[in-house]
Amino acid sequence: MDPADFAGRQSPSDPPLEARPVAVTDLPLLAMLRSRMQWQQARQTLIAENVANADMPGFRPRDLTALRLDPATGRPATSGTLALTQAGHMAPVGAAGPGADPRKTKSFEVRPSGNAVNLEEEMMKAGDNQSDYQLAASMYQKSLDTLKIAIGKR
């Protein structure tokens, strides 16, 4: 037998790669949409915490600024922010610095109690987050429907 016959196989008894079944969850598009929905869920949790602590003295609102996966769990990371590590990098959206648009820089009002939660802004974030989640969920469902049509299950 030619060694090329076993390319991509773990042992000669394994089927060729093209004959192996592929799990639907392994498709890159579905994995990306699932990660996006998990990120939206994590962001919604933080927004809800901000609203719940709107009267707590000294509370500072938190938000997720970028979709980053935790290498240990594979789920969206809920901590950390984007950082400029080299002079040529672009600043994160909303960051102050050279070239930042002062009209787009968000400054939070801090009450005398030290609380910086702006309920109107949190409600706007919650609405935007819900719309984004619904879009990703709809795209996920449509992708599954398309796959069902392709394999003749519909």
Protein backbone atom coordinates (compact mmCIF):
# COMPACT_ATOMS: atom_id res chain seq x y z
CA MET A 1 0.00 0.00 0.00
CA ASP A 2 1.05 3.54 -0.71
CA PRO A 3 1.58 5.79 2.38
CA ALA A 4 -0.47 8.47 0.61
CA ASP A 5 -3.50 6.21 1.05
CA PHE A 6 -3.31 6.87 4.80
CA ALA A 7 -2.86 10.64 4.66
CA GLY A 8 -4.84 12.30 7.43
CA ARG A 9 -5.70 9.00 9.13
CA GLN A 10 -4.60 7.95 12.57
CA SER A 11 -4.34 4.28 11.64
CA PRO A 12 -4.93 2.23 8.48
CA SER A 13 -8.31 1.08 9.84
CA ASP A 14 -9.64 4.68 10.18
CA PRO A 15 -11.85 5.88 7.34
CA PRO A 16 -10.52 8.65 5.08
CA LEU A 17 -11.19 12.18 6.30
CA GLU A 18 -13.87 12.87 3.70
CA ALA A 19 -15.80 9.78 4.88
CA ARG A 20 -15.80 10.78 8.56
CA PRO A 21 -19.00 12.34 9.88
CA VAL A 22 -18.70 15.99 10.84
CA ALA A 23 -20.66 17.22 13.83
CA VAL A 24 -22.87 20.19 13.06
CA THR A 25 -21.40 21.99 16.06
CA ASP A 26 -17.92 21.78 14.48
CA LEU A 27 -18.87 24.01 11.55
CA PRO A 28 -17.00 27.33 11.84
CA LEU A 29 -20.04 29.51 11.11
CA LEU A 30 -22.14 27.87 13.82
CA ALA A 31 -19.26 27.93 16.30
CA MET A 32 -18.78 31.65 15.64
CA LEU A 33 -22.48 32.40 16.08
CA ARG A 34 -22.61 30.34 19.27
CA SER A 35 -19.59 32.21 20.68
CA ARG A 36 -21.23 35.51 19.78
CA MET A 37 -24.44 34.55 21.57
CA GLN A 38 -22.46 33.47 24.66
CA TRP A 39 -20.66 36.82 24.61
CA GLN A 40 -23.99 38.66 24.36
CA GLN A 41 -25.28 36.66 27.34
CA ALA A 42 -22.20 37.57 29.40
CA ARG A 43 -22.62 41.23 28.44
CA GLN A 44 -26.30 41.16 29.39
CA THR A 45 -25.32 39.82 32.81
CA LEU A 46 -22.94 42.76 33.36
CA ILE A 47 -25.53 45.28 32.18
CA ALA A 48 -28.10 43.76 34.57
CA GLU A 49 -25.58 44.00 37.43
CA ASN A 50 -25.00 47.66 36.58
CA VAL A 51 -28.74 48.39 36.72
CA ALA A 52 -29.19 46.39 39.93
CA ASN A 53 -26.41 48.38 41.62
CA ALA A 54 -27.57 51.80 40.40
CA ASP A 55 -28.06 52.99 44.00
CA MET A 56 -25.03 51.34 45.59
CA PRO A 57 -22.50 53.91 46.81
CA GLY A 58 -19.17 53.74 45.02
CA PHE A 59 -20.32 51.30 42.32
CA ARG A 60 -18.72 51.72 38.88
CA PRO A 61 -20.47 50.24 35.83
CA ARG A 62 -18.72 47.52 33.84
CA ASP A 63 -19.10 46.41 30.24
CA LEU A 64 -17.48 43.98 27.83
CA THR A 65 -15.51 45.81 25.18
CA ALA A 66 -14.31 42.98 22.95
CA LEU A 67 -15.21 39.40 22.22
CA ARG A 68 -12.31 37.40 23.64
CA LEU A 69 -12.39 33.72 24.48
CA ASP A 70 -10.96 32.37 27.72
CA PRO A 71 -8.37 29.78 26.65
CA ALA A 72 -9.14 27.53 29.64
CA THR A 73 -12.90 27.26 29.08
CA GLY A 74 -13.39 28.30 25.44
CA ARG A 75 -16.17 30.63 26.63
CA PRO A 76 -16.16 34.41 26.27
CA ALA A 77 -13.85 36.12 28.76
CA THR A 78 -15.64 38.64 30.95
CA SER A 79 -12.63 40.57 32.18
CA GLY A 80 -9.93 42.64 30.63
CA THR A 81 -9.93 45.41 28.11
CA LEU A 82 -8.17 46.18 24.90
CA ALA A 83 -4.78 47.78 25.33
CA LEU A 84 -2.40 49.64 23.07
CA THR A 85 0.76 47.54 23.09
CA GLN A 86 2.52 49.26 20.19
CA ALA A 87 2.53 52.82 18.89
CA GLY A 88 0.97 51.76 15.59
CA HIS A 89 -2.11 50.19 17.16
CA MET A 90 -5.48 51.87 16.91
CA ALA A 91 -7.12 52.96 20.17
CA PRO A 92 -10.19 51.00 21.32
CA VAL A 93 -13.55 52.58 20.57
CA GLY A 94 -14.38 55.23 23.15
CA ALA A 95 -10.80 55.54 24.39
CA ALA A 96 -9.38 58.98 24.91
CA GLY A 97 -6.10 59.81 23.28
CA PRO A 98 -4.61 61.29 20.14
CA GLY A 99 -7.13 61.21 17.33
CA ALA A 100 -10.07 60.37 19.61
CA ASP A 101 -13.33 62.12 18.79
CA PRO A 102 -14.30 64.09 21.93
CA ARG A 103 -17.99 63.83 21.01
CA LYS A 104 -17.79 60.02 21.11
CA THR A 105 -15.87 59.78 24.37
CA LYS A 106 -18.31 58.75 27.07
CA SER A 107 -17.96 60.43 30.41
CA PHE A 108 -20.01 59.00 33.21
CA GLU A 109 -21.70 61.20 35.73
CA VAL A 110 -20.54 60.34 39.20
CA ARG A 111 -22.99 61.08 41.98
CA PRO A 112 -21.85 62.37 45.37
CA SER A 113 -22.21 58.80 46.69
CA GLY A 114 -19.55 57.72 44.16
CA ASN A 115 -21.99 55.72 41.99
CA ALA A 116 -21.38 56.18 38.25
CA VAL A 117 -24.28 54.16 36.77
CA ASN A 118 -26.32 56.04 34.17
CA LEU A 119 -29.62 54.13 33.90
CA GLU A 120 -30.56 55.61 30.52
CA GLU A 121 -27.26 54.52 29.02
CA GLU A 122 -27.55 51.04 30.55
CA MET A 123 -31.05 50.63 29.10
CA MET A 124 -29.77 51.65 25.66
CA LYS A 125 -26.96 49.08 25.96
CA ALA A 126 -29.46 46.42 27.03
CA GLY A 127 -31.67 47.14 24.01
CA ASP A 128 -28.75 47.06 21.58
CA ASN A 129 -27.44 43.88 23.17
CA GLN A 130 -30.85 42.20 22.88
CA SER A 131 -31.10 43.13 19.20
CA ASP A 132 -27.61 41.79 18.51
CA TYR A 133 -28.40 38.53 20.32
CA GLN A 134 -31.65 38.09 18.39
CA LEU A 135 -29.80 38.66 15.11
CA ALA A 136 -27.17 36.02 15.97
CA ALA A 137 -29.85 33.56 17.13
CA SER A 138 -31.83 34.11 13.94
CA MET A 139 -28.73 33.56 11.79
CA TYR A 140 -27.94 30.39 13.77
CA GLN A 141 -31.46 29.05 13.20
CA LYS A 142 -31.39 29.91 9.49
CA SER A 143 -28.03 28.17 9.13
CA LEU A 144 -29.43 25.04 10.75
CA ASP A 145 -32.48 25.20 8.47
CA THR A 146 -30.19 25.48 5.44
CA LEU A 147 -28.19 22.46 6.59
CA LYS A 148 -31.41 20.45 7.02
CA ILE A 149 -32.46 21.32 3.48
CA ALA A 150 -29.01 20.35 2.18
CA ILE A 151 -29.13 16.90 3.74
CA GLY A 152 -32.77 16.32 2.77
CA LYS A 153 -34.30 16.37 6.24
CA ARG A 154 -36.78 19.07 5.31
